[in-house]
């Protein structure tokens, strides 16, 4: 942690998608970091719940493993939680984050990585 490049990598990775309810765009840049540590996801519909959408940015700190893992698994852990199926979205979100923490806490490869998340769940 704390290592940087002598010059920033300014190439940007940009993605976008849209449906009748949302028009989403994202862009990321490695910058001064040795490797790209961030991840993002934009799901216009959650599998098995096409009325719900999930958007997130995962800001990696010290590596990409936690951000990548969370971007693949967090929405699934929320949407497959029994509370979600019952319509208790708030509890499903809490349980999804706790399940994600537990899975990563028990994985030695992720021990030195961290990430902050900003995300939105929308149900229309």
N, C-alpha and C. Protein backbone atom coordinates (compact mmCIF):
# COMPACT_ATOMS: atom_id res chain seq x y z
N UNK A 1 0.84 -1.16 0.00
CA UNK A 1 0.00 0.00 0.00
C UNK A 1 0.89 1.24 0.00
N UNK A 2 0.44 2.28 -0.68
CA UNK A 2 1.20 3.50 -0.68
C UNK A 2 2.13 3.65 -1.87
N UNK A 3 2.30 2.62 -2.69
CA UNK A 3 3.16 2.72 -3.85
C UNK A 3 2.40 3.41 -4.98
N UNK A 4 3.13 4.23 -5.74
CA UNK A 4 2.51 4.93 -6.86
C UNK A 4 3.42 4.87 -8.08
N UNK A 5 2.84 5.14 -9.23
CA UNK A 5 3.60 5.21 -10.47
C UNK A 5 4.30 6.56 -10.57
N UNK A 6 5.31 6.64 -11.44
CA UNK A 6 5.99 7.92 -11.65
C UNK A 6 5.14 8.88 -12.48
N UNK A 7 4.23 8.33 -13.29
CA UNK A 7 3.28 9.13 -14.06
C UNK A 7 1.93 8.44 -14.02
N UNK A 8 0.84 9.18 -14.04
CA UNK A 8 -0.47 8.53 -13.97
C UNK A 8 -0.85 7.84 -15.28
N UNK A 9 -1.61 6.76 -15.16
CA UNK A 9 -2.22 6.11 -16.32
C UNK A 9 -3.57 6.81 -16.51
N UNK A 10 -3.71 7.54 -17.61
CA UNK A 10 -4.90 8.37 -17.80
C UNK A 10 -5.92 7.77 -18.76
N UNK A 11 -5.66 6.57 -19.24
CA UNK A 11 -6.63 5.89 -20.09
C UNK A 11 -7.90 5.62 -19.28
N UNK A 12 -9.03 5.93 -19.88
CA UNK A 12 -10.30 5.74 -19.18
C UNK A 12 -11.07 4.56 -19.77
N UNK A 13 -11.71 3.80 -18.90
CA UNK A 13 -12.61 2.72 -19.31
C UNK A 13 -14.02 3.24 -19.06
N UNK A 14 -14.80 3.33 -20.11
CA UNK A 14 -16.14 3.89 -20.02
C UNK A 14 -17.17 2.87 -20.47
N UNK A 15 -18.29 2.84 -19.78
CA UNK A 15 -19.38 1.92 -20.13
C UNK A 15 -20.71 2.64 -19.94
N UNK A 16 -21.72 2.18 -20.66
CA UNK A 16 -23.06 2.74 -20.48
C UNK A 16 -24.11 1.70 -20.84
N UNK A 17 -25.30 1.90 -20.32
CA UNK A 17 -26.44 1.05 -20.65
C UNK A 17 -27.71 1.82 -20.34
N UNK A 18 -28.83 1.35 -20.89
CA UNK A 18 -30.09 2.06 -20.67
C UNK A 18 -31.27 1.11 -20.85
N UNK A 19 -32.36 1.46 -20.21
CA UNK A 19 -33.65 0.83 -20.46
C UNK A 19 -34.70 1.94 -20.38
N UNK A 20 -35.97 1.60 -20.26
CA UNK A 20 -37.01 2.62 -20.22
C UNK A 20 -36.97 3.47 -18.95
N UNK A 21 -36.37 2.95 -17.89
CA UNK A 21 -36.34 3.66 -16.60
C UNK A 21 -35.04 4.38 -16.31
N UNK A 22 -33.92 3.87 -16.84
CA UNK A 22 -32.61 4.40 -16.46
C UNK A 22 -31.71 4.55 -17.68
N UNK A 23 -30.84 5.53 -17.61
CA UNK A 23 -29.74 5.70 -18.55
C UNK A 23 -28.50 5.87 -17.69
N UNK A 24 -27.59 4.91 -17.74
CA UNK A 24 -26.46 4.84 -16.81
C UNK A 24 -25.14 4.94 -17.57
N UNK A 25 -24.20 5.64 -17.00
CA UNK A 25 -22.86 5.69 -17.54
C UNK A 25 -21.84 5.64 -16.42
N UNK A 26 -20.68 5.10 -16.72
CA UNK A 26 -19.60 5.06 -15.74
C UNK A 26 -18.27 5.18 -16.46
N UNK A 27 -17.29 5.68 -15.74
CA UNK A 27 -15.95 5.81 -16.29
C UNK A 27 -14.95 5.66 -15.16
N UNK A 28 -13.86 4.97 -15.43
CA UNK A 28 -12.84 4.80 -14.40
C UNK A 28 -11.44 5.00 -15.00
N UNK A 29 -10.52 5.37 -14.14
CA UNK A 29 -9.15 5.64 -14.54
C UNK A 29 -8.21 5.17 -13.43
N UNK A 30 -7.14 4.51 -13.81
CA UNK A 30 -6.17 3.99 -12.85
C UNK A 30 -5.43 5.10 -12.11
N UNK A 31 -5.08 6.14 -12.81
CA UNK A 31 -4.37 7.25 -12.18
C UNK A 31 -2.95 6.88 -11.75
N UNK A 32 -2.57 7.26 -10.54
CA UNK A 32 -1.22 7.07 -10.04
C UNK A 32 -0.98 5.69 -9.44
N UNK A 33 -2.03 4.91 -9.28
CA UNK A 33 -1.90 3.60 -8.62
C UNK A 33 -1.16 2.59 -9.49
N UNK A 34 -0.52 1.64 -8.85
CA UNK A 34 0.23 0.59 -9.56
C UNK A 34 -0.72 -0.24 -10.42
N UNK A 35 -1.90 -0.55 -9.91
CA UNK A 35 -2.91 -1.32 -10.63
C UNK A 35 -4.27 -0.67 -10.42
N UNK A 36 -5.19 -0.94 -11.33
CA UNK A 36 -6.56 -0.49 -11.14
C UNK A 36 -7.15 -1.27 -9.97
N UNK A 37 -7.66 -0.58 -8.97
CA UNK A 37 -8.18 -1.22 -7.76
C UNK A 37 -9.70 -1.09 -7.64
N UNK A 38 -10.33 -0.36 -8.54
CA UNK A 38 -11.75 -0.09 -8.42
C UNK A 38 -12.57 -1.05 -9.28
N UNK A 39 -13.84 -1.12 -8.97
CA UNK A 39 -14.78 -1.91 -9.77
C UNK A 39 -16.13 -1.20 -9.73
N UNK A 40 -16.99 -1.55 -10.65
CA UNK A 40 -18.33 -0.99 -10.64
C UNK A 40 -19.30 -2.00 -11.25
N UNK A 41 -20.55 -1.78 -11.01
CA UNK A 41 -21.58 -2.64 -11.61
C UNK A 41 -22.82 -1.80 -11.83
N UNK A 42 -23.47 -2.01 -12.95
CA UNK A 42 -24.78 -1.41 -13.16
C UNK A 42 -25.69 -2.48 -13.75
N UNK A 43 -26.66 -2.87 -12.93
CA UNK A 43 -27.65 -3.87 -13.32
C UNK A 43 -28.98 -3.16 -13.50
N UNK A 44 -29.47 -3.12 -14.71
CA UNK A 44 -30.75 -2.48 -14.96
C UNK A 44 -31.91 -3.31 -14.44
N UNK A 45 -31.67 -4.59 -14.23
CA UNK A 45 -32.66 -5.48 -13.62
C UNK A 45 -31.90 -6.57 -12.88
N UNK A 46 -32.34 -6.86 -11.68
CA UNK A 46 -31.73 -7.93 -10.89
C UNK A 46 -32.33 -9.25 -11.36
N UNK A 47 -31.52 -10.29 -11.58
CA UNK A 47 -32.10 -11.59 -11.95
C UNK A 47 -33.18 -12.00 -10.96
N UNK A 48 -34.26 -12.51 -11.46
CA UNK A 48 -35.42 -12.94 -10.67
C UNK A 48 -36.21 -11.78 -10.07
N UNK A 49 -35.83 -10.54 -10.35
CA UNK A 49 -36.61 -9.38 -9.91
C UNK A 49 -36.38 -8.25 -10.91
N UNK A 50 -37.06 -8.33 -12.03
CA UNK A 50 -36.81 -7.38 -13.12
C UNK A 50 -37.31 -5.97 -12.81
N UNK A 51 -38.01 -5.78 -11.69
CA UNK A 51 -38.46 -4.45 -11.29
C UNK A 51 -37.42 -3.71 -10.46
N UNK A 52 -36.34 -4.39 -10.08
CA UNK A 52 -35.32 -3.79 -9.22
C UNK A 52 -34.02 -3.60 -10.00
N UNK A 53 -33.30 -2.53 -9.68
CA UNK A 53 -32.02 -2.23 -10.30
C UNK A 53 -30.97 -2.02 -9.21
N UNK A 54 -29.70 -2.22 -9.56
CA UNK A 54 -28.61 -2.12 -8.59
C UNK A 54 -27.43 -1.45 -9.27
N UNK A 55 -26.92 -0.40 -8.67
CA UNK A 55 -25.78 0.33 -9.21
C UNK A 55 -24.76 0.54 -8.10
N UNK A 56 -23.47 0.31 -8.39
CA UNK A 56 -22.47 0.45 -7.34
C UNK A 56 -21.10 0.80 -7.91
N UNK A 57 -20.33 1.52 -7.09
CA UNK A 57 -18.92 1.79 -7.34
C UNK A 57 -18.17 1.28 -6.12
N UNK A 58 -17.14 0.50 -6.36
CA UNK A 58 -16.32 -0.07 -5.30
C UNK A 58 -14.92 0.52 -5.44
N UNK A 59 -14.51 1.31 -4.47
CA UNK A 59 -13.23 2.02 -4.49
C UNK A 59 -12.20 1.19 -3.72
N UNK A 60 -11.29 0.56 -4.45
CA UNK A 60 -10.29 -0.30 -3.83
C UNK A 60 -9.22 0.47 -3.10
N UNK A 61 -8.75 -0.11 -2.01
CA UNK A 61 -7.67 0.47 -1.21
C UNK A 61 -6.65 -0.63 -0.94
N UNK A 62 -5.47 -0.52 -1.53
CA UNK A 62 -4.42 -1.50 -1.29
C UNK A 62 -4.50 -2.73 -2.17
N UNK A 63 -5.41 -2.74 -3.12
CA UNK A 63 -5.55 -3.88 -4.02
C UNK A 63 -6.96 -3.93 -4.60
N UNK A 64 -7.14 -4.82 -5.57
CA UNK A 64 -8.42 -4.90 -6.28
C UNK A 64 -9.30 -6.05 -5.83
N UNK A 65 -8.78 -6.96 -5.02
CA UNK A 65 -9.51 -8.20 -4.72
C UNK A 65 -10.87 -7.96 -4.06
N UNK A 66 -10.93 -7.12 -3.05
CA UNK A 66 -12.19 -6.87 -2.35
C UNK A 66 -13.19 -6.18 -3.28
N UNK A 67 -12.75 -5.18 -4.00
CA UNK A 67 -13.64 -4.47 -4.92
C UNK A 67 -14.20 -5.41 -5.98
N UNK A 68 -13.34 -6.22 -6.57
CA UNK A 68 -13.79 -7.16 -7.59
C UNK A 68 -14.76 -8.18 -7.02
N UNK A 69 -14.43 -8.74 -5.87
CA UNK A 69 -15.28 -9.75 -5.24
C UNK A 69 -16.65 -9.15 -4.91
N UNK A 70 -16.66 -7.97 -4.32
CA UNK A 70 -17.92 -7.33 -3.95
C UNK A 70 -18.76 -7.01 -5.18
N UNK A 71 -18.13 -6.58 -6.25
CA UNK A 71 -18.88 -6.22 -7.46
C UNK A 71 -19.55 -7.44 -8.09
N UNK A 72 -19.00 -8.60 -7.86
CA UNK A 72 -19.57 -9.84 -8.40
C UNK A 72 -20.64 -10.42 -7.46
N UNK A 73 -20.44 -10.28 -6.16
CA UNK A 73 -21.27 -11.04 -5.21
C UNK A 73 -22.28 -10.25 -4.39
N UNK A 74 -22.07 -8.96 -4.10
CA UNK A 74 -22.95 -8.27 -3.16
C UNK A 74 -24.41 -8.28 -3.60
N UNK A 75 -24.68 -7.92 -4.84
CA UNK A 75 -26.08 -7.88 -5.29
C UNK A 75 -26.73 -9.26 -5.24
N UNK A 76 -25.95 -10.30 -5.49
CA UNK A 76 -26.49 -11.67 -5.41
C UNK A 76 -26.81 -12.05 -3.97
N UNK A 77 -25.93 -11.69 -3.05
CA UNK A 77 -26.16 -12.00 -1.64
C UNK A 77 -27.40 -11.28 -1.11
N UNK A 78 -27.66 -10.10 -1.61
CA UNK A 78 -28.86 -9.36 -1.21
C UNK A 78 -30.10 -9.98 -1.84
N UNK A 79 -30.07 -10.19 -3.15
CA UNK A 79 -31.26 -10.65 -3.88
C UNK A 79 -31.66 -12.08 -3.56
N UNK A 80 -30.72 -12.90 -3.10
CA UNK A 80 -31.05 -14.29 -2.76
C UNK A 80 -31.33 -14.48 -1.28
N UNK A 81 -31.24 -13.42 -0.50
CA UNK A 81 -31.53 -13.51 0.93
C UNK A 81 -33.03 -13.72 1.14
N UNK A 82 -33.38 -14.54 2.11
CA UNK A 82 -34.80 -14.84 2.38
C UNK A 82 -35.60 -13.58 2.67
N UNK A 83 -35.00 -12.60 3.32
CA UNK A 83 -35.71 -11.35 3.61
C UNK A 83 -36.08 -10.61 2.33
N UNK A 84 -35.21 -10.69 1.32
CA UNK A 84 -35.50 -10.03 0.04
C UNK A 84 -36.73 -10.65 -0.60
N UNK A 85 -36.76 -11.97 -0.62
CA UNK A 85 -37.88 -12.70 -1.22
C UNK A 85 -39.19 -12.34 -0.50
N UNK A 86 -39.12 -12.10 0.80
CA UNK A 86 -40.29 -11.74 1.61
C UNK A 86 -40.66 -10.26 1.48
N UNK A 87 -39.82 -9.48 0.81
CA UNK A 87 -40.10 -8.06 0.62
C UNK A 87 -39.48 -7.14 1.66
N UNK A 88 -38.70 -7.69 2.58
CA UNK A 88 -38.03 -6.88 3.60
C UNK A 88 -36.64 -6.49 3.06
N UNK A 89 -36.64 -5.51 2.17
CA UNK A 89 -35.42 -5.13 1.45
C UNK A 89 -34.36 -4.59 2.41
N UNK A 90 -34.76 -3.79 3.37
CA UNK A 90 -33.79 -3.21 4.31
C UNK A 90 -33.02 -4.30 5.05
N UNK A 91 -33.71 -5.31 5.54
CA UNK A 91 -33.03 -6.40 6.25
C UNK A 91 -32.19 -7.24 5.30
N UNK A 92 -32.66 -7.43 4.07
CA UNK A 92 -31.89 -8.19 3.08
C UNK A 92 -30.58 -7.48 2.77
N UNK A 93 -30.61 -6.15 2.70
CA UNK A 93 -29.39 -5.38 2.45
C UNK A 93 -28.42 -5.55 3.61
N UNK A 94 -28.91 -5.41 4.84
CA UNK A 94 -28.06 -5.61 6.02
C UNK A 94 -27.44 -7.00 6.01
N UNK A 95 -28.27 -8.01 5.80
CA UNK A 95 -27.79 -9.39 5.80
C UNK A 95 -26.83 -9.65 4.64
N UNK A 96 -27.07 -9.02 3.50
CA UNK A 96 -26.17 -9.17 2.35
C UNK A 96 -24.79 -8.63 2.65
N UNK A 97 -24.72 -7.45 3.28
CA UNK A 97 -23.42 -6.88 3.65
C UNK A 97 -22.72 -7.74 4.70
N UNK A 98 -23.47 -8.23 5.67
CA UNK A 98 -22.86 -9.10 6.69
C UNK A 98 -22.34 -10.39 6.08
N UNK A 99 -23.09 -10.97 5.15
CA UNK A 99 -22.65 -12.20 4.48
C UNK A 99 -21.39 -11.93 3.65
N UNK A 100 -21.35 -10.79 2.97
CA UNK A 100 -20.17 -10.43 2.19
C UNK A 100 -18.96 -10.28 3.10
N UNK A 101 -19.12 -9.58 4.22
CA UNK A 101 -18.03 -9.43 5.19
C UNK A 101 -17.52 -10.79 5.66
N UNK A 102 -18.44 -11.68 5.98
CA UNK A 102 -18.06 -13.00 6.49
C UNK A 102 -17.28 -13.79 5.45
N UNK A 103 -17.75 -13.78 4.21
CA UNK A 103 -17.05 -14.51 3.15
C UNK A 103 -15.64 -13.96 2.93
N UNK A 104 -15.50 -12.65 2.93
CA UNK A 104 -14.19 -12.05 2.70
C UNK A 104 -13.27 -12.19 3.91
N UNK A 105 -13.85 -12.11 5.10
CA UNK A 105 -13.05 -12.23 6.33
C UNK A 105 -12.36 -13.59 6.42
N UNK A 106 -12.98 -14.60 5.86
CA UNK A 106 -12.44 -15.95 5.92
C UNK A 106 -11.56 -16.29 4.72
N UNK A 107 -11.26 -15.32 3.87
CA UNK A 107 -10.43 -15.54 2.69
C UNK A 107 -9.09 -14.83 2.89
N UNK A 108 -8.04 -15.60 3.11
CA UNK A 108 -6.71 -15.02 3.38
C UNK A 108 -6.21 -14.12 2.25
N UNK A 109 -6.63 -14.38 1.01
CA UNK A 109 -6.16 -13.56 -0.12
C UNK A 109 -6.68 -12.13 -0.05
N UNK A 110 -7.75 -11.90 0.68
CA UNK A 110 -8.33 -10.56 0.75
C UNK A 110 -7.95 -9.82 2.02
N UNK A 111 -7.15 -10.42 2.83
CA UNK A 111 -6.84 -9.86 4.15
C UNK A 111 -6.21 -8.46 4.08
N UNK A 112 -5.39 -8.18 3.08
CA UNK A 112 -4.69 -6.89 3.01
C UNK A 112 -5.39 -5.86 2.12
N UNK A 113 -6.47 -6.24 1.45
CA UNK A 113 -7.20 -5.32 0.59
C UNK A 113 -8.38 -4.72 1.35
N UNK A 114 -8.79 -3.56 0.91
CA UNK A 114 -9.97 -2.90 1.48
C UNK A 114 -10.73 -2.23 0.34
N UNK A 115 -11.95 -1.83 0.63
CA UNK A 115 -12.74 -1.11 -0.36
C UNK A 115 -13.82 -0.31 0.34
N UNK A 116 -14.12 0.84 -0.22
CA UNK A 116 -15.31 1.57 0.20
C UNK A 116 -16.32 1.46 -0.93
N UNK A 117 -17.59 1.42 -0.58
CA UNK A 117 -18.64 1.23 -1.57
C UNK A 117 -19.58 2.42 -1.56
N UNK A 118 -20.09 2.75 -2.71
CA UNK A 118 -21.26 3.61 -2.80
C UNK A 118 -22.19 2.91 -3.77
N UNK A 119 -23.41 2.73 -3.37
CA UNK A 119 -24.32 1.97 -4.21
C UNK A 119 -25.75 2.44 -4.03
N UNK A 120 -26.58 2.06 -4.99
CA UNK A 120 -27.99 2.40 -4.97
C UNK A 120 -28.79 1.19 -5.40
N UNK A 121 -29.86 0.95 -4.68
CA UNK A 121 -30.84 -0.08 -5.04
C UNK A 121 -32.12 0.66 -5.40
N UNK A 122 -32.71 0.34 -6.52
CA UNK A 122 -33.95 1.00 -6.93
C UNK A 122 -34.99 -0.05 -7.27
N UNK A 123 -36.19 0.14 -6.78
CA UNK A 123 -37.30 -0.77 -7.04
C UNK A 123 -38.43 0.06 -7.63
N UNK A 124 -38.71 -0.16 -8.90
CA UNK A 124 -39.74 0.66 -9.55
C UNK A 124 -40.94 -0.16 -9.96
